[in-house]
Amino acid sequence: MDALLQRLETRIRKLVERCEQLEGDNADLRQYTESLAREKDALLTKNRLAVSQIEGMISHLESRSTS
């Protein structure tokens, strides 16, 4: 009976350790996901600005070619 309890205790201890590890991994992944979302937003903003500038240059060139 003592051997059975010791095996059970060992398994429970391992499960607790694994849960703690998974919680840490999950927190790391959440931070990484948030970081990627912020980077994506920054890149989308830069892309919109670049598109706007290119459209402005095209408009400027078109107006020069028609005059």
PDB file of N, CA and C in Angstrom:
ATOM      1  N   MET A   1       0.824  -1.195   0.000  1.00  0.00           N
ATOM      2  CA  MET A   1       0.000   0.000   0.000  1.00  0.00           C
ATOM      3  C   MET A   1       0.865   1.254   0.000  1.00  0.00           C
ATOM      4  N   ASP A   2       1.960   1.235   0.786  1.00  0.00           N
ATOM      5  CA  ASP A   2       2.845   2.394   0.820  1.00  0.00           C
ATOM      6  C   ASP A   2       3.478   2.642  -0.539  1.00  0.00           C
ATOM      7  N   ALA A   3       3.851   1.585  -1.237  1.00  0.00           N
ATOM      8  CA  ALA A   3       4.451   1.727  -2.564  1.00  0.00           C
ATOM      9  C   ALA A   3       3.459   2.354  -3.534  1.00  0.00           C
ATOM     10  N   LEU A   4       2.200   1.936  -3.441  1.00  0.00           N
ATOM     11  CA  LEU A   4       1.159   2.490  -4.294  1.00  0.00           C
ATOM     12  C   LEU A   4       0.973   3.974  -4.010  1.00  0.00           C
ATOM     13  N   LEU A   5       0.933   4.348  -2.750  1.00  0.00           N
ATOM     14  CA  LEU A   5       0.796   5.765  -2.391  1.00  0.00           C
ATOM     15  C   LEU A   5       1.990   6.583  -2.850  1.00  0.00           C
ATOM     16  N   GLN A   6       3.180   6.011  -2.745  1.00  0.00           N
ATOM     17  CA  GLN A   6       4.379   6.729  -3.202  1.00  0.00           C
ATOM     18  C   GLN A   6       4.352   6.933  -4.714  1.00  0.00           C
ATOM     19  N   ARG A   7       3.923   5.910  -5.455  1.00  0.00           N
ATOM     20  CA  ARG A   7       3.815   6.065  -6.917  1.00  0.00           C
ATOM     21  C   ARG A   7       2.770   7.120  -7.272  1.00  0.00           C
ATOM     22  N   LEU A   8       1.661   7.082  -6.562  1.00  0.00           N
ATOM     23  CA  LEU A   8       0.608   8.068  -6.797  1.00  0.00           C
ATOM     24  C   LEU A   8       1.107   9.473  -6.479  1.00  0.00           C
ATOM     25  N   GLU A   9       1.810   9.610  -5.356  1.00  0.00           N
ATOM     26  CA  GLU A   9       2.355  10.913  -4.978  1.00  0.00           C
ATOM     27  C   GLU A   9       3.350  11.402  -6.028  1.00  0.00           C
ATOM     28  N   THR A  10       4.181  10.508  -6.531  1.00  0.00           N
ATOM     29  CA  THR A  10       5.152  10.866  -7.565  1.00  0.00           C
ATOM     30  C   THR A  10       4.443  11.332  -8.831  1.00  0.00           C
ATOM     31  N   ARG A  11       3.433  10.607  -9.220  1.00  0.00           N
ATOM     32  CA  ARG A  11       2.674  10.992 -10.426  1.00  0.00           C
ATOM     33  C   ARG A  11       1.986  12.334 -10.236  1.00  0.00           C
ATOM     34  N   ILE A  12       1.411  12.556  -9.067  1.00  0.00           N
ATOM     35  CA  ILE A  12       0.745  13.832  -8.792  1.00  0.00           C
ATOM     36  C   ILE A  12       1.757  14.975  -8.815  1.00  0.00           C
ATOM     37  N   ARG A  13       2.922  14.749  -8.221  1.00  0.00           N
ATOM     38  CA  ARG A  13       3.972  15.764  -8.210  1.00  0.00           C
ATOM     39  C   ARG A  13       4.396  16.112  -9.650  1.00  0.00           C
ATOM     40  N   LYS A  14       4.544  15.077 -10.495  1.00  0.00           N
ATOM     41  CA  LYS A  14       4.916  15.299 -11.891  1.00  0.00           C
ATOM     42  C   LYS A  14       3.825  16.068 -12.636  1.00  0.00           C
ATOM     43  N   LEU A  15       2.585  15.723 -12.346  1.00  0.00           N
ATOM     44  CA  LEU A  15       1.467  16.438 -12.979  1.00  0.00           C
ATOM     45  C   LEU A  15       1.446  17.906 -12.578  1.00  0.00           C
ATOM     46  N   VAL A  16       1.687  18.183 -11.308  1.00  0.00           N
ATOM     47  CA  VAL A  16       1.725  19.564 -10.828  1.00  0.00           C
ATOM     48  C   VAL A  16       2.862  20.320 -11.512  1.00  0.00           C
ATOM     49  N   GLU A  17       4.040  19.689 -11.606  1.00  0.00           N
ATOM     50  CA  GLU A  17       5.177  20.317 -12.282  1.00  0.00           C
ATOM     51  C   GLU A  17       4.850  20.597 -13.747  1.00  0.00           C
ATOM     52  N   ARG A  18       4.212  19.634 -14.391  1.00  0.00           N
ATOM     53  CA  ARG A  18       3.844  19.815 -15.811  1.00  0.00           C
ATOM     54  C   ARG A  18       2.830  20.939 -15.966  1.00  0.00           C
ATOM     55  N   CYS A  19       1.864  21.017 -15.076  1.00  0.00           N
ATOM     56  CA  CYS A  19       0.877  22.098 -15.123  1.00  0.00           C
ATOM     57  C   CYS A  19       1.551  23.456 -14.961  1.00  0.00           C
ATOM     58  N   GLU A  20       2.486  23.543 -14.031  1.00  0.00           N
ATOM     59  CA  GLU A  20       3.203  24.796 -13.822  1.00  0.00           C
ATOM     60  C   GLU A  20       4.012  25.172 -15.061  1.00  0.00           C
ATOM     61  N   GLN A  21       4.641  24.172 -15.677  1.00  0.00           N
ATOM     62  CA  GLN A  21       5.403  24.427 -16.891  1.00  0.00           C
ATOM     63  C   GLN A  21       4.480  24.915 -18.010  1.00  0.00           C
ATOM     64  N   LEU A  22       3.337  24.260 -18.159  1.00  0.00           N
ATOM     65  CA  LEU A  22       2.386  24.654 -19.200  1.00  0.00           C
ATOM     66  C   LEU A  22       1.823  26.041 -18.951  1.00  0.00           C
ATOM     67  N   GLU A  23       1.583  26.390 -17.702  1.00  0.00           N
ATOM     68  CA  GLU A  23       1.109  27.737 -17.384  1.00  0.00           C
ATOM     69  C   GLU A  23       2.153  28.782 -17.781  1.00  0.00           C
ATOM     70  N   GLY A  24       3.421  28.476 -17.497  1.00  0.00           N
ATOM     71  CA  GLY A  24       4.494  29.390 -17.894  1.00  0.00           C
ATOM     72  C   GLY A  24       4.600  29.506 -19.403  1.00  0.00           C
ATOM     73  N   ASP A  25       4.531  28.367 -20.091  1.00  0.00           N
ATOM     74  CA  ASP A  25       4.582  28.370 -21.556  1.00  0.00           C
ATOM     75  C   ASP A  25       3.409  29.166 -22.129  1.00  0.00           C
ATOM     76  N   ASN A  26       2.244  28.989 -21.548  1.00  0.00           N
ATOM     77  CA  ASN A  26       1.051  29.683 -22.003  1.00  0.00           C
ATOM     78  C   ASN A  26       1.215  31.198 -21.830  1.00  0.00           C
ATOM     79  N   ALA A  27       1.748  31.615 -20.688  1.00  0.00           N
ATOM     80  CA  ALA A  27       1.979  33.048 -20.451  1.00  0.00           C
ATOM     81  C   ALA A  27       2.975  33.596 -21.473  1.00  0.00           C
ATOM     82  N   ASP A  28       4.035  32.835 -21.744  1.00  0.00           N
ATOM     83  CA  ASP A  28       5.018  33.260 -22.745  1.00  0.00           C
ATOM     84  C   ASP A  28       4.374  33.397 -24.119  1.00  0.00           C
ATOM     85  N   LEU A  29       3.547  32.428 -24.481  1.00  0.00           N
ATOM     86  CA  LEU A  29       2.875  32.476 -25.786  1.00  0.00           C
ATOM     87  C   LEU A  29       1.907  33.644 -25.889  1.00  0.00           C
ATOM     88  N   ARG A  30       1.230  33.948 -24.789  1.00  0.00           N
ATOM     89  CA  ARG A  30       0.323  35.107 -24.807  1.00  0.00           C
ATOM     90  C   ARG A  30       1.100  36.395 -25.030  1.00  0.00           C
ATOM     91  N   GLN A  31       2.234  36.538 -24.350  1.00  0.00           N
ATOM     92  CA  GLN A  31       3.061  37.731 -24.535  1.00  0.00           C
ATOM     93  C   GLN A  31       3.565  37.809 -25.969  1.00  0.00           C
ATOM     94  N   TYR A  32       3.997  36.681 -26.506  1.00  0.00           N
ATOM     95  CA  TYR A  32       4.498  36.649 -27.872  1.00  0.00           C
ATOM     96  C   TYR A  32       3.394  37.018 -28.862  1.00  0.00           C
ATOM     97  N   THR A  33       2.186  36.497 -28.639  1.00  0.00           N
ATOM     98  CA  THR A  33       1.045  36.808 -29.501  1.00  0.00           C
ATOM     99  C   THR A  33       0.724  38.296 -29.452  1.00  0.00           C
ATOM    100  N   GLU A  34       0.735  38.869 -28.252  1.00  0.00           N
ATOM    101  CA  GLU A  34       0.475  40.309 -28.118  1.00  0.00           C
ATOM    102  C   GLU A  34       1.547  41.120 -28.822  1.00  0.00           C
ATOM    103  N   SER A  35       2.790  40.683 -28.719  1.00  0.00           N
ATOM    104  CA  SER A  35       3.899  41.362 -29.392  1.00  0.00           C
ATOM    105  C   SER A  35       3.716  41.305 -30.912  1.00  0.00           C
ATOM    106  N   LEU A  36       3.333  40.146 -31.414  1.00  0.00           N
ATOM    107  CA  LEU A  36       3.099  40.014 -32.850  1.00  0.00           C
ATOM    108  C   LEU A  36       1.930  40.884 -33.310  1.00  0.00           C
ATOM    109  N   ALA A  37       0.893  40.982 -32.496  1.00  0.00           N
ATOM    110  CA  ALA A  37      -0.254  41.816 -32.856  1.00  0.00           C
ATOM    111  C   ALA A  37       0.165  43.289 -32.927  1.00  0.00           C
ATOM    112  N   ARG A  38       0.991  43.731 -31.964  1.00  0.00           N
ATOM    113  CA  ARG A  38       1.469  45.120 -32.004  1.00  0.00           C
ATOM    114  C   ARG A  38       2.348  45.357 -33.232  1.00  0.00           C
ATOM    115  N   GLU A  39       3.204  44.388 -33.535  1.00  0.00           N
ATOM    116  CA  GLU A  39       4.065  44.522 -34.714  1.00  0.00           C
ATOM    117  C   GLU A  39       3.223  44.567 -35.990  1.00  0.00           C
ATOM    118  N   LYS A  40       2.200  43.727 -36.051  1.00  0.00           N
ATOM    119  CA  LYS A  40       1.311  43.716 -37.214  1.00  0.00           C
ATOM    120  C   LYS A  40       0.634  45.071 -37.380  1.00  0.00           C
ATOM    121  N   ASP A  41       0.130  45.647 -36.285  1.00  0.00           N
ATOM    122  CA  ASP A  41      -0.520  46.955 -36.350  1.00  0.00           C
ATOM    123  C   ASP A  41       0.447  48.023 -36.851  1.00  0.00           C
ATOM    124  N   ALA A  42       1.685  47.983 -36.346  1.00  0.00           N
ATOM    125  CA  ALA A  42       2.685  48.971 -36.778  1.00  0.00           C
ATOM    126  C   ALA A  42       2.982  48.817 -38.268  1.00  0.00           C
ATOM    127  N   LEU A  43       3.097  47.570 -38.736  1.00  0.00           N
ATOM    128  CA  LEU A  43       3.372  47.334 -40.152  1.00  0.00           C
ATOM    129  C   LEU A  43       2.194  47.755 -41.034  1.00  0.00           C
ATOM    130  N   LEU A  44       0.985  47.511 -40.570  1.00  0.00           N
ATOM    131  CA  LEU A  44      -0.189  47.947 -41.337  1.00  0.00           C
ATOM    132  C   LEU A  44      -0.241  49.467 -41.432  1.00  0.00           C
ATOM    133  N   THR A  45       0.108  50.146 -40.349  1.00  0.00           N
ATOM    134  CA  THR A  45       0.138  51.607 -40.363  1.00  0.00           C
ATOM    135  C   THR A  45       1.182  52.108 -41.358  1.00  0.00           C
ATOM    136  N   LYS A  46       2.379  51.508 -41.322  1.00  0.00           N
ATOM    137  CA  LYS A  46       3.430  51.895 -42.267  1.00  0.00           C
ATOM    138  C   LYS A  46       2.991  51.615 -43.707  1.00  0.00           C
ATOM    139  N   ASN A  47       2.318  50.493 -43.919  1.00  0.00           N
ATOM    140  CA  ASN A  47       1.856  50.137 -45.259  1.00  0.00           C
ATOM    141  C   ASN A  47       0.832  51.148 -45.763  1.00  0.00           C
ATOM    142  N   ARG A  48      -0.110  51.535 -44.907  1.00  0.00           N
ATOM    143  CA  ARG A  48      -1.120  52.524 -45.312  1.00  0.00           C
ATOM    144  C   ARG A  48      -0.456  53.852 -45.667  1.00  0.00           C
ATOM    145  N   LEU A  49       0.536  54.251 -44.875  1.00  0.00           N
ATOM    146  CA  LEU A  49       1.249  55.488 -45.148  1.00  0.00           C
ATOM    147  C   LEU A  49       1.978  55.399 -46.483  1.00  0.00           C
ATOM    148  N   ALA A  50       2.636  54.276 -46.739  1.00  0.00           N
ATOM    149  CA  ALA A  50       3.352  54.098 -48.003  1.00  0.00           C
ATOM    150  C   ALA A  50       2.383  54.127 -49.187  1.00  0.00           C
ATOM    151  N   VAL A  51       1.249  53.453 -49.056  1.00  0.00           N
ATOM    152  CA  VAL A  51       0.250  53.451 -50.129  1.00  0.00           C
ATOM    153  C   VAL A  51      -0.236  54.872 -50.383  1.00  0.00           C
ATOM    154  N   SER A  52      -0.494  55.603 -49.329  1.00  0.00           N
ATOM    155  CA  SER A  52      -0.963  56.979 -49.461  1.00  0.00           C
ATOM    156  C   SER A  52       0.082  57.841 -50.169  1.00  0.00           C
ATOM    157  N   GLN A  53       1.342  57.686 -49.789  1.00  0.00           N
ATOM    158  CA  GLN A  53       2.405  58.469 -50.422  1.00  0.00           C
ATOM    159  C   GLN A  53       2.555  58.103 -51.898  1.00  0.00           C
ATOM    160  N   ILE A  54       2.476  56.833 -52.215  1.00  0.00           N
ATOM    161  CA  ILE A  54       2.591  56.393 -53.612  1.00  0.00           C
ATOM    162  C   ILE A  54       1.425  56.917 -54.429  1.00  0.00           C
ATOM    163  N   GLU A  55       0.219  56.850 -53.860  1.00  0.00           N
ATOM    164  CA  GLU A  55      -0.947  57.383 -54.569  1.00  0.00           C
ATOM    165  C   GLU A  55      -0.787  58.876 -54.810  1.00  0.00           C
ATOM    166  N   GLY A  56      -0.235  59.582 -53.819  1.00  0.00           N
ATOM    167  CA  GLY A  56       0.021  61.014 -53.987  1.00  0.00           C
ATOM    168  C   GLY A  56       1.022  61.282 -55.091  1.00  0.00           C
ATOM    169  N   MET A  57       2.069  60.492 -55.162  1.00  0.00           N
ATOM    170  CA  MET A  57       3.075  60.656 -56.231  1.00  0.00           C
ATOM    171  C   MET A  57       2.465  60.367 -57.595  1.00  0.00           C
ATOM    172  N   ILE A  58       1.644  59.324 -57.663  1.00  0.00           N
ATOM    173  CA  ILE A  58       0.994  58.989 -58.935  1.00  0.00           C
ATOM    174  C   ILE A  58       0.082  60.126 -59.376  1.00  0.00           C
ATOM    175  N   SER A  59      -0.689  60.650 -58.447  1.00  0.00           N
ATOM    176  CA  SER A  59      -1.579  61.770 -58.774  1.00  0.00           C
ATOM    177  C   SER A  59      -0.768  62.965 -59.253  1.00  0.00           C
ATOM    178  N   HIS A  60       0.316  63.236 -58.564  1.00  0.00           N
ATOM    179  CA  HIS A  60       1.174  64.364 -58.940  1.00  0.00           C
ATOM    180  C   HIS A  60       1.732  64.154 -60.349  1.00  0.00           C
ATOM    181  N   LEU A  61       2.209  62.941 -60.643  1.00  0.00           N
ATOM    182  CA  LEU A  61       2.766  62.650 -61.964  1.00  0.00           C
ATOM    183  C   LEU A  61       1.683  62.732 -63.050  1.00  0.00           C
ATOM    184  N   GLU A  62       0.493  62.242 -62.714  1.00  0.00           N
ATOM    185  CA  GLU A  62      -0.610  62.293 -63.698  1.00  0.00           C
ATOM    186  C   GLU A  62      -0.994  63.740 -63.980  1.00  0.00           C
ATOM    187  N   SER A  63      -1.006  64.577 -62.939  1.00  0.00           N
ATOM    188  CA  SER A  63      -1.384  65.983 -63.167  1.00  0.00           C
ATOM    189  C   SER A  63      -0.305  66.709 -63.964  1.00  0.00           C
ATOM    190  N   ARG A  64       0.933  66.338 -63.820  1.00  0.00           N
ATOM    191  CA  ARG A  64       2.014  66.961 -64.588  1.00  0.00           C
ATOM    192  C   ARG A  64       1.971  66.522 -66.041  1.00  0.00           C
ATOM    193  N   SER A  65       1.560  65.273 -66.283  1.00  0.00           N
ATOM    194  CA  SER A  65       1.563  64.766 -67.650  1.00  0.00           C
ATOM    195  C   SER A  65       0.384  65.313 -68.453  1.00  0.00           C
ATOM    196  N   THR A  66      -0.677  65.733 -67.792  1.00  0.00           N
ATOM    197  CA  THR A  66      -1.857  66.264 -68.502  1.00  0.00           C
ATOM    198  C   THR A  66      -1.744  67.762 -68.716  1.00  0.00           C
ATOM    199  N   SER A  67      -0.807  68.407 -68.051  1.00  0.00           N
ATOM    200  CA  SER A  67      -0.726  69.866 -68.240  1.00  0.00           C
ATOM    201  C   SER A  67       0.260  70.248 -69.306  1.00  0.00           C
TER     202      SER A  67
END
